[in-house]
Amino acid sequence: MKKEILGKYTLQTPLPEHAKQQAELQEIVFPTLSAEELITEEKYKRHLEIFPEGQFIVLDGDNVIASCTTLLQNYHKGHHTFLDISDDLWLGTHDPKADWIYGLDVSVHPDYQGKGIGREIYNARQDVAKALGCKGQMTAGMPIGYDKVKDQMTIAEYCDKLIKGEIIDPTVTAQTKCGFILVEPLFDYLDDPRSGNCSVLMYWPLDSNTKLSENH
């Protein structure tokens, strides 16, 4: 895949030589994430061997300004973690016959946030889901807005209000505006104090009548 987006950037499948910049971008975008939960250069290269059509970068010239990692998985009700679902980020859990594209991350450089790049990446995921005959995409969004109210409520209370639409979160609410439907919080999903170590499971079906269920 390679196409121009927003009139000035290039969205494409990464090449192995982009892996170093992708890994550096992770550290910039997720400064409070634990080291073992950051994708390394070696792992980015491995992703291209396992599921190349599910990996994207956005370039401004030769600079990687955004990156995205996905695999194919079915929905299994119950708790899982970021490292569980991704085989410690090696993508050994990728299932070519699965129904959903599972998005592990979308990283957009802070200097380029708010320009619609994330939305373009989510749209590209939907295109891949359709091409592969999947039902759509699911992901677990980090409620980073919790950091500002952590002294006022628990992460469980925050997620409850978020899912009910009573509060706005910089990341999760933006994802719902793209088309995602919130399902449930995944407590202790990752090691990131900014989001209360939690993420919110969500899905975006290609067919609005499709529900996230264990019936594949």
C-alpha atoms as a PDB file:
ATOM      1  CA  MET A   1       0.000   0.000   0.000  1.00  0.00           C
ATOM      2  CA  LYS A   2       1.155   3.493  -0.816  1.00  0.00           C
ATOM      3  CA  LYS A   3      -0.991   6.599  -1.194  1.00  0.00           C
ATOM      4  CA  GLU A   4      -0.956  10.329  -0.582  1.00  0.00           C
ATOM      5  CA  ILE A   5      -3.031  11.575   2.349  1.00  0.00           C
ATOM      6  CA  LEU A   6      -4.072  15.060   3.411  1.00  0.00           C
ATOM      7  CA  GLY A   7      -2.400  16.468   0.315  1.00  0.00           C
ATOM      8  CA  LYS A   8       1.127  16.346   1.699  1.00  0.00           C
ATOM      9  CA  TYR A   9       1.985  13.041   3.418  1.00  0.00           C
ATOM     10  CA  THR A  10       2.502   9.463   2.232  1.00  0.00           C
ATOM     11  CA  LEU A  11       0.775   6.510   3.923  1.00  0.00           C
ATOM     12  CA  GLN A  12       2.439   3.243   2.992  1.00  0.00           C
ATOM     13  CA  THR A  13       3.566  -0.200   4.068  1.00  0.00           C
ATOM     14  CA  PRO A  14       6.869   0.290   5.904  1.00  0.00           C
ATOM     15  CA  LEU A  15      10.183  -1.047   4.649  1.00  0.00           C
ATOM     16  CA  PRO A  16      12.752  -2.694   6.946  1.00  0.00           C
ATOM     17  CA  GLU A  17      14.861   0.460   6.838  1.00  0.00           C
ATOM     18  CA  HIS A  18      12.005   2.411   8.466  1.00  0.00           C
ATOM     19  CA  ALA A  19      12.062   0.232  11.598  1.00  0.00           C
ATOM     20  CA  LYS A  20      14.646   2.346  13.420  1.00  0.00           C
ATOM     21  CA  GLN A  21      12.554   5.503  13.034  1.00  0.00           C
ATOM     22  CA  GLN A  22       9.407   3.604  14.065  1.00  0.00           C
ATOM     23  CA  ALA A  23      11.075   2.455  17.287  1.00  0.00           C
ATOM     24  CA  GLU A  24      12.280   5.976  18.029  1.00  0.00           C
ATOM     25  CA  LEU A  25       8.774   7.310  17.452  1.00  0.00           C
ATOM     26  CA  GLN A  26       7.380   4.894  20.057  1.00  0.00           C
ATOM     27  CA  GLU A  27       9.575   6.411  22.758  1.00  0.00           C
ATOM     28  CA  ILE A  28       8.427   9.923  21.849  1.00  0.00           C
ATOM     29  CA  VAL A  29       4.693   9.154  21.672  1.00  0.00           C
ATOM     30  CA  PHE A  30       4.506   6.837  24.704  1.00  0.00           C
ATOM     31  CA  PRO A  31       6.950   8.367  27.224  1.00  0.00           C
ATOM     32  CA  THR A  32       5.354   6.709  30.280  1.00  0.00           C
ATOM     33  CA  LEU A  33       4.914   3.221  28.801  1.00  0.00           C
ATOM     34  CA  SER A  34       7.131   0.488  30.257  1.00  0.00           C
ATOM     35  CA  ALA A  35      10.230  -0.430  28.242  1.00  0.00           C
ATOM     36  CA  GLU A  36       9.041  -3.975  27.525  1.00  0.00           C
ATOM     37  CA  GLU A  37       5.833  -2.587  25.995  1.00  0.00           C
ATOM     38  CA  LEU A  38       7.624  -0.400  23.448  1.00  0.00           C
ATOM     39  CA  ILE A  39       8.054  -1.962  20.005  1.00  0.00           C
ATOM     40  CA  THR A  40      11.734  -2.341  19.075  1.00  0.00           C
ATOM     41  CA  GLU A  41      13.422  -2.086  15.694  1.00  0.00           C
ATOM     42  CA  GLU A  42      13.883  -5.862  15.595  1.00  0.00           C
ATOM     43  CA  LYS A  43      10.212  -6.483  16.304  1.00  0.00           C
ATOM     44  CA  TYR A  44       9.064  -4.007  13.641  1.00  0.00           C
ATOM     45  CA  LYS A  45      11.102  -5.937  11.080  1.00  0.00           C
ATOM     46  CA  ARG A  46       9.518  -9.188  12.248  1.00  0.00           C
ATOM     47  CA  HIS A  47       6.021  -7.717  11.802  1.00  0.00           C
ATOM     48  CA  LEU A  48       6.728  -7.234   8.108  1.00  0.00           C
ATOM     49  CA  GLU A  49       7.495 -10.932   7.777  1.00  0.00           C
ATOM     50  CA  ILE A  50       4.294 -12.008   9.556  1.00  0.00           C
ATOM     51  CA  PHE A  51       1.588  -9.570   8.399  1.00  0.00           C
ATOM     52  CA  PRO A  52       2.969  -6.880   6.059  1.00  0.00           C
ATOM     53  CA  GLU A  53      -0.416  -5.705   4.792  1.00  0.00           C
ATOM     54  CA  GLY A  54      -1.437  -4.768   8.343  1.00  0.00           C
ATOM     55  CA  GLN A  55       1.485  -2.437   9.048  1.00  0.00           C
ATOM     56  CA  PHE A  56       1.502   1.254   8.077  1.00  0.00           C
ATOM     57  CA  ILE A  57       3.689   4.301   8.369  1.00  0.00           C
ATOM     58  CA  VAL A  58       3.099   7.908   7.376  1.00  0.00           C
ATOM     59  CA  LEU A  59       5.993   9.842   5.891  1.00  0.00           C
ATOM     60  CA  ASP A  60       6.678  13.551   5.656  1.00  0.00           C
ATOM     61  CA  GLY A  61       9.429  13.406   3.071  1.00  0.00           C
ATOM     62  CA  ASP A  62      11.753  10.724   4.400  1.00  0.00           C
ATOM     63  CA  ASN A  63      10.715  11.155   8.028  1.00  0.00           C
ATOM     64  CA  VAL A  64       8.404   8.665   9.750  1.00  0.00           C
ATOM     65  CA  ILE A  65       5.796  10.835  11.485  1.00  0.00           C
ATOM     66  CA  ALA A  66       3.254   8.102  12.260  1.00  0.00           C
ATOM     67  CA  SER A  67       3.189   4.344  12.585  1.00  0.00           C
ATOM     68  CA  CYS A  68       0.657   1.587  13.151  1.00  0.00           C
ATOM     69  CA  THR A  69       0.927  -2.105  14.090  1.00  0.00           C
ATOM     70  CA  THR A  70      -1.825  -4.696  13.666  1.00  0.00           C
ATOM     71  CA  LEU A  71      -2.457  -8.434  13.629  1.00  0.00           C
ATOM     72  CA  LEU A  72      -5.484 -10.621  12.961  1.00  0.00           C
ATOM     73  CA  GLN A  73      -7.356 -11.993  15.983  1.00  0.00           C
ATOM     74  CA  ASN A  74     -10.798 -13.210  17.003  1.00  0.00           C
ATOM     75  CA  TYR A  75     -12.666 -11.699  19.929  1.00  0.00           C
ATOM     76  CA  HIS A  76     -12.379 -13.705  23.129  1.00  0.00           C
ATOM     77  CA  LYS A  77     -14.442 -12.400  26.019  1.00  0.00           C
ATOM     78  CA  GLY A  78     -12.415 -11.958  29.151  1.00  0.00           C
ATOM     79  CA  HIS A  79      -9.285 -10.166  30.179  1.00  0.00           C
ATOM     80  CA  HIS A  80      -6.105 -10.028  28.147  1.00  0.00           C
ATOM     81  CA  THR A  81      -3.092  -7.756  28.217  1.00  0.00           C
ATOM     82  CA  PHE A  82      -1.174  -5.858  25.580  1.00  0.00           C
ATOM     83  CA  LEU A  83       1.687  -8.334  25.764  1.00  0.00           C
ATOM     84  CA  ASP A  84      -0.643 -11.373  25.854  1.00  0.00           C
ATOM     85  CA  ILE A  85      -2.476 -10.451  22.673  1.00  0.00           C
ATOM     86  CA  SER A  86       0.736  -9.624  20.799  1.00  0.00           C
ATOM     87  CA  ASP A  87       3.078 -12.425  21.944  1.00  0.00           C
ATOM     88  CA  ASP A  88       5.281  -9.865  23.681  1.00  0.00           C
ATOM     89  CA  LEU A  89       4.977  -7.707  20.539  1.00  0.00           C
ATOM     90  CA  TRP A  90       6.431 -10.367  18.209  1.00  0.00           C
ATOM     91  CA  LEU A  91       2.974 -11.033  16.623  1.00  0.00           C
ATOM     92  CA  GLY A  92       3.231 -14.796  17.159  1.00  0.00           C
ATOM     93  CA  THR A  93      -0.489 -14.679  18.041  1.00  0.00           C
ATOM     94  CA  HIS A  94      -1.418 -13.506  14.528  1.00  0.00           C
ATOM     95  CA  ASP A  95      -4.186 -15.733  13.139  1.00  0.00           C
ATOM     96  CA  PRO A  96      -4.546 -15.435   9.323  1.00  0.00           C
ATOM     97  CA  LYS A  97      -8.075 -16.907   9.532  1.00  0.00           C
ATOM     98  CA  ALA A  98      -9.352 -14.548  12.235  1.00  0.00           C
ATOM     99  CA  ASP A  99     -12.324 -12.209  11.802  1.00  0.00           C
ATOM    100  CA  TRP A 100     -10.918  -8.941  13.112  1.00  0.00           C
ATOM    101  CA  ILE A 101      -7.923  -6.706  12.593  1.00  0.00           C
ATOM    102  CA  TYR A 102      -6.578  -6.003  16.085  1.00  0.00           C
ATOM    103  CA  GLY A 103      -4.772  -2.679  16.317  1.00  0.00           C
ATOM    104  CA  LEU A 104      -1.901  -2.715  18.772  1.00  0.00           C
ATOM    105  CA  ASP A 105      -1.044   0.954  18.414  1.00  0.00           C
ATOM    106  CA  VAL A 106      -1.246   4.135  16.422  1.00  0.00           C
ATOM    107  CA  SER A 107       1.721   6.435  16.988  1.00  0.00           C
ATOM    108  CA  VAL A 108       1.578   9.987  15.657  1.00  0.00           C
ATOM    109  CA  HIS A 109       4.462  12.351  16.382  1.00  0.00           C
ATOM    110  CA  PRO A 110       3.310  15.176  18.721  1.00  0.00           C
ATOM    111  CA  ASP A 111       4.213  17.798  16.100  1.00  0.00           C
ATOM    112  CA  TYR A 112       1.727  16.204  13.696  1.00  0.00           C
ATOM    113  CA  GLN A 113      -1.147  15.379  16.021  1.00  0.00           C
ATOM    114  CA  GLY A 114      -4.535  16.974  15.420  1.00  0.00           C
ATOM    115  CA  LYS A 115      -4.143  16.997  11.633  1.00  0.00           C
ATOM    116  CA  GLY A 116      -6.283  13.931  10.886  1.00  0.00           C
ATOM    117  CA  ILE A 117      -3.403  11.495  10.404  1.00  0.00           C
ATOM    118  CA  GLY A 118      -4.751   9.032  12.970  1.00  0.00           C
ATOM    119  CA  ARG A 119      -8.122   8.978  11.235  1.00  0.00           C
ATOM    120  CA  GLU A 120      -6.415   8.228   7.913  1.00  0.00           C
ATOM    121  CA  ILE A 121      -4.655   5.266   9.521  1.00  0.00           C
ATOM    122  CA  TYR A 122      -7.900   3.900  10.979  1.00  0.00           C
ATOM    123  CA  ASN A 123      -9.551   4.278   7.567  1.00  0.00           C
ATOM    124  CA  ALA A 124      -6.664   2.384   5.974  1.00  0.00           C
ATOM    125  CA  ARG A 125      -7.190  -0.409   8.492  1.00  0.00           C
ATOM    126  CA  GLN A 126     -10.827  -0.624   7.457  1.00  0.00           C
ATOM    127  CA  ASP A 127      -9.767  -0.904   3.824  1.00  0.00           C
ATOM    128  CA  VAL A 128      -7.478  -3.813   4.709  1.00  0.00           C
ATOM    129  CA  ALA A 129     -10.211  -5.458   6.785  1.00  0.00           C
ATOM    130  CA  LYS A 130     -12.570  -5.280   3.817  1.00  0.00           C
ATOM    131  CA  ALA A 131      -9.942  -6.597   1.404  1.00  0.00           C
ATOM    132  CA  LEU A 132      -9.230  -9.562   3.683  1.00  0.00           C
ATOM    133  CA  GLY A 133     -12.894 -10.364   4.284  1.00  0.00           C
ATOM    134  CA  CYS A 134     -12.734  -9.430   7.970  1.00  0.00           C
ATOM    135  CA  LYS A 135     -15.596  -7.998  10.019  1.00  0.00           C
ATOM    136  CA  GLY A 136     -13.717  -4.802  10.845  1.00  0.00           C
ATOM    137  CA  GLN A 137     -11.171  -3.742  13.408  1.00  0.00           C
ATOM    138  CA  MET A 138     -10.869  -3.755  17.165  1.00  0.00           C
ATOM    139  CA  THR A 139      -8.375  -2.158  19.475  1.00  0.00           C
ATOM    140  CA  ALA A 140      -7.803  -1.146  23.084  1.00  0.00           C
ATOM    141  CA  GLY A 141      -7.552   2.618  23.480  1.00  0.00           C
ATOM    142  CA  MET A 142      -5.513   4.247  26.233  1.00  0.00           C
ATOM    143  CA  PRO A 143      -7.627   6.648  28.362  1.00  0.00           C
ATOM    144  CA  ILE A 144      -4.776   9.110  28.849  1.00  0.00           C
ATOM    145  CA  GLY A 145      -7.116  11.799  30.158  1.00  0.00           C
ATOM    146  CA  TYR A 146      -7.308   9.884  33.423  1.00  0.00           C
ATOM    147  CA  ASP A 147      -3.959  11.357  34.449  1.00  0.00           C
ATOM    148  CA  LYS A 148      -5.586  14.753  34.997  1.00  0.00           C
ATOM    149  CA  VAL A 149      -8.386  13.456  37.238  1.00  0.00           C
ATOM    150  CA  LYS A 150      -6.714  10.525  39.002  1.00  0.00           C
ATOM    151  CA  ASP A 151      -7.034  12.269  42.370  1.00  0.00           C
ATOM    152  CA  GLN A 152     -10.797  12.644  41.870  1.00  0.00           C
ATOM    153  CA  MET A 153     -11.884   9.135  40.835  1.00  0.00           C
ATOM    154  CA  THR A 154     -10.698   5.586  40.271  1.00  0.00           C
ATOM    155  CA  ILE A 155      -9.853   4.322  36.797  1.00  0.00           C
ATOM    156  CA  ALA A 156     -12.963   2.102  36.989  1.00  0.00           C
ATOM    157  CA  GLU A 157     -15.152   5.159  37.624  1.00  0.00           C
ATOM    158  CA  TYR A 158     -13.417   7.061  34.831  1.00  0.00           C
ATOM    159  CA  CYS A 159     -13.985   4.247  32.310  1.00  0.00           C
ATOM    160  CA  ASP A 160     -17.609   3.880  33.372  1.00  0.00           C
ATOM    161  CA  LYS A 161     -18.248   7.573  32.731  1.00  0.00           C
ATOM    162  CA  LEU A 162     -16.306   7.388  29.481  1.00  0.00           C
ATOM    163  CA  ILE A 163     -18.304   4.434  28.136  1.00  0.00           C
ATOM    164  CA  LYS A 164     -21.556   6.168  29.126  1.00  0.00           C
ATOM    165  CA  GLY A 165     -20.455   9.289  27.245  1.00  0.00           C
ATOM    166  CA  GLU A 166     -20.407  11.464  30.366  1.00  0.00           C
ATOM    167  CA  ILE A 167     -16.793  12.605  29.971  1.00  0.00           C
ATOM    168  CA  ILE A 168     -14.383  13.206  27.102  1.00  0.00           C
ATOM    169  CA  ASP A 169     -10.969  11.563  26.793  1.00  0.00           C
ATOM    170  CA  PRO A 170      -8.320  12.878  24.361  1.00  0.00           C
ATOM    171  CA  THR A 171      -7.649   9.432  22.885  1.00  0.00           C
ATOM    172  CA  VAL A 172     -10.718   7.268  23.418  1.00  0.00           C
ATOM    173  CA  THR A 173     -13.276   9.928  22.467  1.00  0.00           C
ATOM    174  CA  ALA A 174     -11.327  10.689  19.295  1.00  0.00           C
ATOM    175  CA  GLN A 175     -11.495   6.993  18.423  1.00  0.00           C
ATOM    176  CA  THR A 176     -15.283   6.932  18.840  1.00  0.00           C
ATOM    177  CA  LYS A 177     -15.508   9.875  16.438  1.00  0.00           C
ATOM    178  CA  CYS A 178     -13.774   7.713  13.839  1.00  0.00           C
ATOM    179  CA  GLY A 179     -16.428   5.028  14.240  1.00  0.00           C
ATOM    180  CA  PHE A 180     -15.358   2.854  17.168  1.00  0.00           C
ATOM    181  CA  ILE A 181     -17.913   1.433  19.601  1.00  0.00           C
ATOM    182  CA  LEU A 182     -16.745   1.123  23.219  1.00  0.00           C
ATOM    183  CA  VAL A 183     -17.144  -2.301  24.851  1.00  0.00           C
ATOM    184  CA  GLU A 184     -15.445  -2.576  28.237  1.00  0.00           C
ATOM    185  CA  PRO A 185     -12.363  -1.529  30.207  1.00  0.00           C
ATOM    186  CA  LEU A 186      -9.381  -3.857  30.287  1.00  0.00           C
ATOM    187  CA  PHE A 187      -7.778  -3.193  33.671  1.00  0.00           C
ATOM    188  CA  ASP A 188      -4.034  -3.841  34.011  1.00  0.00           C
ATOM    189  CA  TYR A 189      -3.857  -4.100  30.225  1.00  0.00           C
ATOM    190  CA  LEU A 190      -0.483  -2.388  30.172  1.00  0.00           C
ATOM    191  CA  ASP A 191       2.003  -0.636  32.434  1.00  0.00           C
ATOM    192  CA  ASP A 192       1.278   3.039  31.892  1.00  0.00           C
ATOM    193  CA  PRO A 193       0.389   5.219  34.895  1.00  0.00           C
ATOM    194  CA  ARG A 194      -0.956   8.019  32.686  1.00  0.00           C
ATOM    195  CA  SER A 195      -3.909   5.803  31.706  1.00  0.00           C
ATOM    196  CA  GLY A 196      -4.240   4.046  35.065  1.00  0.00           C
ATOM    197  CA  ASN A 197      -2.663   0.919  33.494  1.00  0.00           C
ATOM    198  CA  CYS A 198      -5.955   0.477  31.666  1.00  0.00           C
ATOM    199  CA  SER A 199      -7.264   0.459  28.111  1.00  0.00           C
ATOM    200  CA  VAL A 200     -10.796   0.406  26.723  1.00  0.00           C
ATOM    201  CA  LEU A 201     -11.720  -2.375  24.317  1.00  0.00           C
ATOM    202  CA  MET A 202     -13.571  -1.099  21.252  1.00  0.00           C
ATOM    203  CA  TYR A 203     -14.488  -2.201  17.746  1.00  0.00           C
ATOM    204  CA  TRP A 204     -15.422  -0.645  14.411  1.00  0.00           C
ATOM    205  CA  PRO A 205     -17.420  -3.055  12.223  1.00  0.00           C
ATOM    206  CA  LEU A 206     -17.616  -2.782   8.464  1.00  0.00           C
ATOM    207  CA  ASP A 207     -21.322  -3.591   8.761  1.00  0.00           C
ATOM    208  CA  SER A 208     -23.109  -1.552  11.435  1.00  0.00           C
ATOM    209  CA  ASN A 209     -25.255  -4.596  12.246  1.00  0.00           C
ATOM    210  CA  THR A 210     -22.218  -6.667  13.213  1.00  0.00           C
ATOM    211  CA  LYS A 211     -21.665  -7.029  16.943  1.00  0.00           C
ATOM    212  CA  LEU A 212     -18.449  -7.991  18.677  1.00  0.00           C
ATOM    213  CA  SER A 213     -19.067 -11.515  19.919  1.00  0.00           C
ATOM    214  CA  GLU A 214     -17.338 -14.849  20.320  1.00  0.00           C
ATOM    215  CA  ASN A 215     -19.388 -16.280  17.457  1.00  0.00           C
ATOM    216  CA  HIS A 216     -16.817 -16.120  14.681  1.00  0.00           C
END
